[in-house]
Amino acid sequence: MSRTLPAWIEPLLGRLGTARVEDFTRLVTPEQGGRESAVLVLLGEEPGVGPDLLVLQRAATLRNHAGQPAFPGGAADPEDADAPATALREANEEVGLDPSTVTVLAELPKLWIPVSDFVVTPVLAWWHAPHPVHPREPAEVAHVARLPIAELVDPENRMRVRHPSGWIGPAFSARGMLVWGFTAGVISTLLEMGGWARPWPRGRVVDLPPEGSAPAPSAGTDDVDEMAGPLT
């Protein structure tokens, strides 16, 4: 596929020029401390399907965030030059993504995840030459999927979820995945910024099962959406 950016990305890139932490979360990112991390928010496009996002699903046997959908990514290594380097290295290790097929577009504001004390930089990128990807470490990654934007913005696939702690946040149901927490929060904001979002029933709330739930994304409430979640 051509490295030329598709027209549908341009509104999002224009809006990101003025993006602030407050657009994504109510939590203030600390000036010092926190473990530096990055995730790859990879936009692609499939013929006949349209724009999509690459998401993986954590293995059910993991100690942390078991079974949760997530962006590829993780903690920075000392040899990583910057956040894009971390995100691309992790994506290669997790799903076999070839970094040469990716055009990095922007770094989003650093977002703090208090439950794990990660300071995460979402790295927005264009997949100019898509190729097959798959879990490279089945003990860590169970599944990889490209979630169509058309399905993510479909009102039938949008909801909020309530964690057993009382925290409530955005969620998406697509391709057999329930995407929530940090990942869903970033997706929700980007859909709005890109002008892709459609009205959806915000009163639709689904309870997460108490058994096996990840830690609450933050000290949540029973009536306020808070974006910040676990590094999922």
C-alpha atoms as a PDB file:
ATOM      1  CA  MET A   1       0.000   0.000   0.000  1.00  0.00           C
ATOM      2  CA  SER A   2       1.205   3.518  -0.701  1.00  0.00           C
ATOM      3  CA  ARG A   3       2.977   5.565   1.967  1.00  0.00           C
ATOM      4  CA  THR A   4       0.700   8.451   0.973  1.00  0.00           C
ATOM      5  CA  LEU A   5      -1.637   9.121   3.868  1.00  0.00           C
ATOM      6  CA  PRO A   6      -5.325   8.555   3.149  1.00  0.00           C
ATOM      7  CA  ALA A   7      -7.583  11.581   3.380  1.00  0.00           C
ATOM      8  CA  TRP A   8      -9.559  10.119   6.284  1.00  0.00           C
ATOM      9  CA  ILE A   9      -6.529  10.441   8.605  1.00  0.00           C
ATOM     10  CA  GLU A  10      -6.002  14.164   8.009  1.00  0.00           C
ATOM     11  CA  PRO A  11      -8.746  15.494  10.358  1.00  0.00           C
ATOM     12  CA  LEU A  12      -7.355  13.389  13.205  1.00  0.00           C
ATOM     13  CA  LEU A  13      -3.797  14.591  12.651  1.00  0.00           C
ATOM     14  CA  GLY A  14      -4.972  18.193  12.579  1.00  0.00           C
ATOM     15  CA  ARG A  15      -6.795  17.784  15.872  1.00  0.00           C
ATOM     16  CA  LEU A  16      -3.858  16.047  17.552  1.00  0.00           C
ATOM     17  CA  GLY A  17      -1.797  19.180  17.052  1.00  0.00           C
ATOM     18  CA  THR A  18      -3.669  20.713  19.989  1.00  0.00           C
ATOM     19  CA  ALA A  19      -4.308  17.531  22.008  1.00  0.00           C
ATOM     20  CA  ARG A  20      -3.857  17.713  25.780  1.00  0.00           C
ATOM     21  CA  VAL A  21      -3.791  15.149  28.557  1.00  0.00           C
ATOM     22  CA  GLU A  22      -7.196  16.501  29.621  1.00  0.00           C
ATOM     23  CA  ASP A  23      -8.668  15.310  26.324  1.00  0.00           C
ATOM     24  CA  PHE A  24      -7.935  11.726  27.346  1.00  0.00           C
ATOM     25  CA  THR A  25      -8.166  11.558  31.145  1.00  0.00           C
ATOM     26  CA  ARG A  26      -9.071  13.432  34.305  1.00  0.00           C
ATOM     27  CA  LEU A  27      -5.831  12.259  35.928  1.00  0.00           C
ATOM     28  CA  VAL A  28      -2.837  14.594  35.921  1.00  0.00           C
ATOM     29  CA  THR A  29       0.361  12.969  34.640  1.00  0.00           C
ATOM     30  CA  PRO A  30       3.102  13.441  37.279  1.00  0.00           C
ATOM     31  CA  GLU A  31       6.107  15.495  36.229  1.00  0.00           C
ATOM     32  CA  GLN A  32       8.468  12.932  37.723  1.00  0.00           C
ATOM     33  CA  GLY A  33       8.294   9.218  38.479  1.00  0.00           C
ATOM     34  CA  GLY A  34       6.297   6.484  36.815  1.00  0.00           C
ATOM     35  CA  ARG A  35       7.677   3.809  34.515  1.00  0.00           C
ATOM     36  CA  GLU A  36       8.069   5.059  30.956  1.00  0.00           C
ATOM     37  CA  SER A  37       6.064   2.981  28.477  1.00  0.00           C
ATOM     38  CA  ALA A  38       4.569   3.231  25.009  1.00  0.00           C
ATOM     39  CA  VAL A  39       1.802   1.600  23.000  1.00  0.00           C
ATOM     40  CA  LEU A  40       1.338   1.505  19.224  1.00  0.00           C
ATOM     41  CA  VAL A  41      -1.982   2.856  17.970  1.00  0.00           C
ATOM     42  CA  LEU A  42      -1.713   1.455  14.454  1.00  0.00           C
ATOM     43  CA  LEU A  43      -4.205   2.578  11.822  1.00  0.00           C
ATOM     44  CA  GLY A  44      -4.487   0.502   8.668  1.00  0.00           C
ATOM     45  CA  GLU A  45      -6.969  -0.024   5.868  1.00  0.00           C
ATOM     46  CA  GLU A  46      -8.275  -3.195   4.261  1.00  0.00           C
ATOM     47  CA  PRO A  47      -9.889  -3.230   0.797  1.00  0.00           C
ATOM     48  CA  GLY A  48     -13.626  -3.627   1.128  1.00  0.00           C
ATOM     49  CA  VAL A  49     -13.493  -3.130   4.894  1.00  0.00           C
ATOM     50  CA  GLY A  50     -12.050   0.338   5.387  1.00  0.00           C
ATOM     51  CA  PRO A  51      -9.896   1.828   8.151  1.00  0.00           C
ATOM     52  CA  ASP A  52      -9.015  -0.324  11.149  1.00  0.00           C
ATOM     53  CA  LEU A  53      -6.979  -0.534  14.348  1.00  0.00           C
ATOM     54  CA  LEU A  54      -4.571  -3.321  15.305  1.00  0.00           C
ATOM     55  CA  VAL A  55      -5.392  -4.818  18.713  1.00  0.00           C
ATOM     56  CA  LEU A  56      -4.159  -7.907  20.509  1.00  0.00           C
ATOM     57  CA  GLN A  57      -5.668  -9.991  23.285  1.00  0.00           C
ATOM     58  CA  ARG A  58      -3.561 -10.922  26.292  1.00  0.00           C
ATOM     59  CA  ALA A  59      -3.288 -14.602  27.169  1.00  0.00           C
ATOM     60  CA  ALA A  60      -5.752 -15.778  29.814  1.00  0.00           C
ATOM     61  CA  THR A  61      -2.927 -17.229  31.904  1.00  0.00           C
ATOM     62  CA  LEU A  62      -1.043 -13.968  32.469  1.00  0.00           C
ATOM     63  CA  ARG A  63      -0.723 -12.682  36.021  1.00  0.00           C
ATOM     64  CA  ASN A  64      -1.595  -9.107  34.971  1.00  0.00           C
ATOM     65  CA  HIS A  65      -4.435  -8.046  32.624  1.00  0.00           C
ATOM     66  CA  ALA A  66      -5.214 -11.647  31.636  1.00  0.00           C
ATOM     67  CA  GLY A  67      -7.472 -11.964  28.601  1.00  0.00           C
ATOM     68  CA  GLN A  68      -7.760  -8.226  28.020  1.00  0.00           C
ATOM     69  CA  PRO A  69      -7.585  -6.628  24.569  1.00  0.00           C
ATOM     70  CA  ALA A  70      -4.765  -4.118  24.240  1.00  0.00           C
ATOM     71  CA  PHE A  71      -2.613  -2.083  21.909  1.00  0.00           C
ATOM     72  CA  PRO A  72       0.788  -3.643  21.288  1.00  0.00           C
ATOM     73  CA  GLY A  73       3.271  -2.062  23.663  1.00  0.00           C
ATOM     74  CA  GLY A  74       4.957  -2.125  27.026  1.00  0.00           C
ATOM     75  CA  ALA A  75       7.721  -0.684  29.181  1.00  0.00           C
ATOM     76  CA  ALA A  76      10.663   1.136  27.647  1.00  0.00           C
ATOM     77  CA  ASP A  77      14.059  -0.557  27.511  1.00  0.00           C
ATOM     78  CA  PRO A  78      17.266   1.429  28.112  1.00  0.00           C
ATOM     79  CA  GLU A  79      18.318   0.948  24.480  1.00  0.00           C
ATOM     80  CA  ASP A  80      15.068   2.395  23.087  1.00  0.00           C
ATOM     81  CA  ALA A  81      15.751   5.770  21.490  1.00  0.00           C
ATOM     82  CA  ASP A  82      12.260   7.144  22.128  1.00  0.00           C
ATOM     83  CA  ALA A  83       8.588   6.217  22.571  1.00  0.00           C
ATOM     84  CA  PRO A  84       8.096   5.163  18.916  1.00  0.00           C
ATOM     85  CA  ALA A  85      11.114   2.864  19.230  1.00  0.00           C
ATOM     86  CA  THR A  86       9.572   1.242  22.317  1.00  0.00           C
ATOM     87  CA  ALA A  87       6.166   0.825  20.671  1.00  0.00           C
ATOM     88  CA  LEU A  88       7.598  -0.653  17.464  1.00  0.00           C
ATOM     89  CA  ARG A  89       9.956  -3.008  19.323  1.00  0.00           C
ATOM     90  CA  GLU A  90       7.143  -4.298  21.501  1.00  0.00           C
ATOM     91  CA  ALA A  91       4.829  -4.748  18.503  1.00  0.00           C
ATOM     92  CA  ASN A  92       7.519  -6.761  16.742  1.00  0.00           C
ATOM     93  CA  GLU A  93       8.106  -8.928  19.800  1.00  0.00           C
ATOM     94  CA  GLU A  94       4.409  -9.475  20.486  1.00  0.00           C
ATOM     95  CA  VAL A  95       2.846  -9.948  17.044  1.00  0.00           C
ATOM     96  CA  GLY A  96       5.712  -9.949  14.524  1.00  0.00           C
ATOM     97  CA  LEU A  97       5.014  -6.487  13.139  1.00  0.00           C
ATOM     98  CA  ASP A  98       7.671  -5.361  10.663  1.00  0.00           C
ATOM     99  CA  PRO A  99       8.671  -1.809  11.706  1.00  0.00           C
ATOM    100  CA  SER A 100       9.578  -0.938   8.096  1.00  0.00           C
ATOM    101  CA  THR A 101       5.878  -1.259   7.148  1.00  0.00           C
ATOM    102  CA  VAL A 102       4.885   1.459   9.615  1.00  0.00           C
ATOM    103  CA  THR A 103       4.946   5.257   9.308  1.00  0.00           C
ATOM    104  CA  VAL A 104       4.941   6.981  12.704  1.00  0.00           C
ATOM    105  CA  LEU A 105       2.602   9.982  12.648  1.00  0.00           C
ATOM    106  CA  ALA A 106       2.464  11.471  16.131  1.00  0.00           C
ATOM    107  CA  GLU A 107       3.066  10.961  19.826  1.00  0.00           C
ATOM    108  CA  LEU A 108      -0.017  11.528  21.944  1.00  0.00           C
ATOM    109  CA  PRO A 109       0.211  13.133  25.396  1.00  0.00           C
ATOM    110  CA  LYS A 110       1.782  11.006  28.136  1.00  0.00           C
ATOM    111  CA  LEU A 111      -0.943   9.331  30.206  1.00  0.00           C
ATOM    112  CA  TRP A 112      -0.512   8.111  33.776  1.00  0.00           C
ATOM    113  CA  ILE A 113      -1.922   4.780  34.939  1.00  0.00           C
ATOM    114  CA  PRO A 114      -1.904   4.920  38.746  1.00  0.00           C
ATOM    115  CA  VAL A 115      -2.687   1.238  39.401  1.00  0.00           C
ATOM    116  CA  SER A 116       0.601   0.216  37.746  1.00  0.00           C
ATOM    117  CA  ASP A 117       2.413   3.588  37.879  1.00  0.00           C
ATOM    118  CA  PHE A 118       3.088   3.448  34.142  1.00  0.00           C
ATOM    119  CA  VAL A 119       3.463   6.688  32.217  1.00  0.00           C
ATOM    120  CA  VAL A 120       2.328   5.675  28.741  1.00  0.00           C
ATOM    121  CA  THR A 121       2.922   7.462  25.443  1.00  0.00           C
ATOM    122  CA  PRO A 122       0.441   6.287  22.785  1.00  0.00           C
ATOM    123  CA  VAL A 123       2.208   6.398  19.414  1.00  0.00           C
ATOM    124  CA  LEU A 124      -0.107   6.950  16.443  1.00  0.00           C
ATOM    125  CA  ALA A 125       1.080   5.330  13.216  1.00  0.00           C
ATOM    126  CA  TRP A 126      -0.038   4.466   9.683  1.00  0.00           C
ATOM    127  CA  TRP A 127       0.398   0.876   8.480  1.00  0.00           C
ATOM    128  CA  HIS A 128       1.406   1.712   4.922  1.00  0.00           C
ATOM    129  CA  ALA A 129       2.253  -1.897   3.992  1.00  0.00           C
ATOM    130  CA  PRO A 130       0.063  -4.299   6.007  1.00  0.00           C
ATOM    131  CA  HIS A 131       1.157  -7.916   6.340  1.00  0.00           C
ATOM    132  CA  PRO A 132      -0.023 -10.940   8.328  1.00  0.00           C
ATOM    133  CA  VAL A 133       0.615 -10.747  12.064  1.00  0.00           C
ATOM    134  CA  HIS A 134       0.176 -13.374  14.752  1.00  0.00           C
ATOM    135  CA  PRO A 135       1.021 -14.012  18.408  1.00  0.00           C
ATOM    136  CA  ARG A 136       4.768 -14.627  18.670  1.00  0.00           C
ATOM    137  CA  GLU A 137       4.553 -15.643  22.325  1.00  0.00           C
ATOM    138  CA  PRO A 138       1.306 -17.585  22.870  1.00  0.00           C
ATOM    139  CA  ALA A 139       1.968 -17.519  26.612  1.00  0.00           C
ATOM    140  CA  GLU A 140       1.569 -13.738  26.482  1.00  0.00           C
ATOM    141  CA  VAL A 141      -0.619 -12.995  23.446  1.00  0.00           C
ATOM    142  CA  ALA A 142      -3.626 -15.158  22.638  1.00  0.00           C
ATOM    143  CA  HIS A 143      -5.029 -13.400  19.579  1.00  0.00           C
ATOM    144  CA  VAL A 144      -4.419 -10.521  17.175  1.00  0.00           C
ATOM    145  CA  ALA A 145      -7.159  -8.690  15.272  1.00  0.00           C
ATOM    146  CA  ARG A 146      -7.706  -5.689  13.046  1.00  0.00           C
ATOM    147  CA  LEU A 147     -10.813  -3.944  14.382  1.00  0.00           C
ATOM    148  CA  PRO A 148     -12.652  -1.959  11.661  1.00  0.00           C
ATOM    149  CA  ILE A 149     -13.424   1.640  12.581  1.00  0.00           C
ATOM    150  CA  ALA A 150     -16.900   1.077  11.106  1.00  0.00           C
ATOM    151  CA  GLU A 151     -17.556  -1.568  13.762  1.00  0.00           C
ATOM    152  CA  LEU A 152     -16.084   0.502  16.583  1.00  0.00           C
ATOM    153  CA  VAL A 153     -18.352   3.479  15.806  1.00  0.00           C
ATOM    154  CA  ASP A 154     -21.457   1.328  15.304  1.00  0.00           C
ATOM    155  CA  PRO A 155     -23.842   2.329  18.134  1.00  0.00           C
ATOM    156  CA  GLU A 156     -24.728  -1.338  18.626  1.00  0.00           C
ATOM    157  CA  ASN A 157     -21.108  -2.057  19.545  1.00  0.00           C
ATOM    158  CA  ARG A 158     -20.589   0.775  22.029  1.00  0.00           C
ATOM    159  CA  MET A 159     -21.307   0.721  25.751  1.00  0.00           C
ATOM    160  CA  ARG A 160     -19.843   1.543  29.120  1.00  0.00           C
ATOM    161  CA  VAL A 161     -18.582  -1.077  31.544  1.00  0.00           C
ATOM    162  CA  ARG A 162     -18.757  -1.062  35.323  1.00  0.00           C
ATOM    163  CA  HIS A 163     -15.809  -2.558  37.197  1.00  0.00           C
ATOM    164  CA  PRO A 164     -16.606  -4.352  40.508  1.00  0.00           C
ATOM    165  CA  SER A 165     -14.932  -1.381  42.248  1.00  0.00           C
ATOM    166  CA  GLY A 166     -17.604   0.948  40.846  1.00  0.00           C
ATOM    167  CA  TRP A 167     -15.381   2.498  38.156  1.00  0.00           C
ATOM    168  CA  ILE A 168     -17.257   3.112  34.893  1.00  0.00           C
ATOM    169  CA  GLY A 169     -15.617   3.690  31.516  1.00  0.00           C
ATOM    170  CA  PRO A 170     -16.096   3.339  27.767  1.00  0.00           C
ATOM    171  CA  ALA A 171     -16.058  -0.023  26.010  1.00  0.00           C
ATOM    172  CA  PHE A 172     -16.431  -1.560  22.568  1.00  0.00           C
ATOM    173  CA  SER A 173     -17.587  -4.964  21.360  1.00  0.00           C
ATOM    174  CA  ALA A 174     -15.929  -5.945  18.081  1.00  0.00           C
ATOM    175  CA  ARG A 175     -14.711  -9.160  16.477  1.00  0.00           C
ATOM    176  CA  GLY A 176     -15.489 -11.145  19.615  1.00  0.00           C
ATOM    177  CA  MET A 177     -13.527  -8.781  21.884  1.00  0.00           C
ATOM    178  CA  LEU A 178     -14.758  -6.583  24.721  1.00  0.00           C
ATOM    179  CA  VAL A 179     -12.332  -3.666  24.657  1.00  0.00           C
ATOM    180  CA  TRP A 180     -12.306  -1.551  27.837  1.00  0.00           C
ATOM    181  CA  GLY A 181      -9.980   0.286  30.237  1.00  0.00           C
ATOM    182  CA  PHE A 182      -7.026   2.286  28.931  1.00  0.00           C
ATOM    183  CA  THR A 183      -7.315   0.934  25.392  1.00  0.00           C
ATOM    184  CA  ALA A 184     -11.001   1.778  25.030  1.00  0.00           C
ATOM    185  CA  GLY A 185     -10.428   5.231  26.487  1.00  0.00           C
ATOM    186  CA  VAL A 186      -7.792   6.081  23.899  1.00  0.00           C
ATOM    187  CA  ILE A 187      -9.934   4.679  21.083  1.00  0.00           C
ATOM    188  CA  SER A 188     -12.983   6.637  22.231  1.00  0.00           C
ATOM    189  CA  THR A 189     -11.074   9.921  22.271  1.00  0.00           C
ATOM    190  CA  LEU A 190      -9.476   9.316  18.873  1.00  0.00           C
ATOM    191  CA  LEU A 191     -12.835   8.482  17.297  1.00  0.00           C
ATOM    192  CA  GLU A 192     -14.154  11.838  18.481  1.00  0.00           C
ATOM    193  CA  MET A 193     -11.053  13.729  17.356  1.00  0.00           C
ATOM    194  CA  GLY A 194     -11.126  12.111  13.921  1.00  0.00           C
ATOM    195  CA  GLY A 195     -14.765  13.039  13.420  1.00  0.00           C
ATOM    196  CA  TRP A 196     -15.700   9.367  13.055  1.00  0.00           C
ATOM    197  CA  ALA A 197     -17.836   8.890  16.171  1.00  0.00           C
ATOM    198  CA  ARG A 198     -21.598   8.417  15.916  1.00  0.00           C
ATOM    199  CA  PRO A 199     -24.239   8.978  18.609  1.00  0.00           C
ATOM    200  CA  TRP A 200     -24.647   5.925  20.837  1.00  0.00           C
ATOM    201  CA  PRO A 201     -26.729   5.026  23.928  1.00  0.00           C
ATOM    202  CA  ARG A 202     -24.527   6.134  26.817  1.00  0.00           C
ATOM    203  CA  GLY A 203     -26.983   4.654  29.273  1.00  0.00           C
ATOM    204  CA  ARG A 204     -25.969   1.146  28.184  1.00  0.00           C
ATOM    205  CA  VAL A 205     -23.787  -0.137  31.043  1.00  0.00           C
ATOM    206  CA  VAL A 206     -22.451  -3.699  31.276  1.00  0.00           C
ATOM    207  CA  ASP A 207     -20.992  -5.117  34.494  1.00  0.00           C
ATOM    208  CA  LEU A 208     -17.560  -6.715  34.306  1.00  0.00           C
ATOM    209  CA  PRO A 209     -17.551 -10.105  36.064  1.00  0.00           C
ATOM    210  CA  PRO A 210     -15.991  -9.957  39.553  1.00  0.00           C
ATOM    211  CA  GLU A 211     -13.998 -13.127  38.963  1.00  0.00           C
ATOM    212  CA  GLY A 212     -10.856 -12.522  36.971  1.00  0.00           C
ATOM    213  CA  SER A 213     -11.374  -8.781  36.525  1.00  0.00           C
ATOM    214  CA  ALA A 214      -8.278  -6.650  36.206  1.00  0.00           C
ATOM    215  CA  PRO A 215      -7.626  -4.073  38.932  1.00  0.00           C
ATOM    216  CA  ALA A 216      -9.819  -0.999  38.763  1.00  0.00           C
ATOM    217  CA  PRO A 217      -8.347   1.543  36.335  1.00  0.00           C
ATOM    218  CA  SER A 218      -8.465   4.185  39.060  1.00  0.00           C
ATOM    219  CA  ALA A 219     -10.296   4.999  42.254  1.00  0.00           C
ATOM    220  CA  GLY A 220     -13.488   5.095  40.276  1.00  0.00           C
ATOM    221  CA  THR A 221     -16.980   6.341  40.857  1.00  0.00           C
ATOM    222  CA  ASP A 222     -20.348   4.939  39.974  1.00  0.00           C
ATOM    223  CA  ASP A 223     -21.358   7.705  37.632  1.00  0.00           C
ATOM    224  CA  VAL A 224     -18.290   9.313  36.033  1.00  0.00           C
ATOM    225  CA  ASP A 225     -16.282   7.997  33.118  1.00  0.00           C
ATOM    226  CA  GLU A 226     -12.554   8.018  33.824  1.00  0.00           C
ATOM    227  CA  MET A 227     -10.304   7.153  30.907  1.00  0.00           C
ATOM    228  CA  ALA A 228      -7.191   6.039  32.730  1.00  0.00           C
ATOM    229  CA  GLY A 229      -6.998   2.291  33.033  1.00  0.00           C
ATOM    230  CA  PRO A 230      -4.499  -0.533  33.353  1.00  0.00           C
ATOM    231  CA  LEU A 231      -1.893  -0.894  30.630  1.00  0.00           C
ATOM    232  CA  THR A 232      -4.088  -3.087  28.490  1.00  0.00           C
END
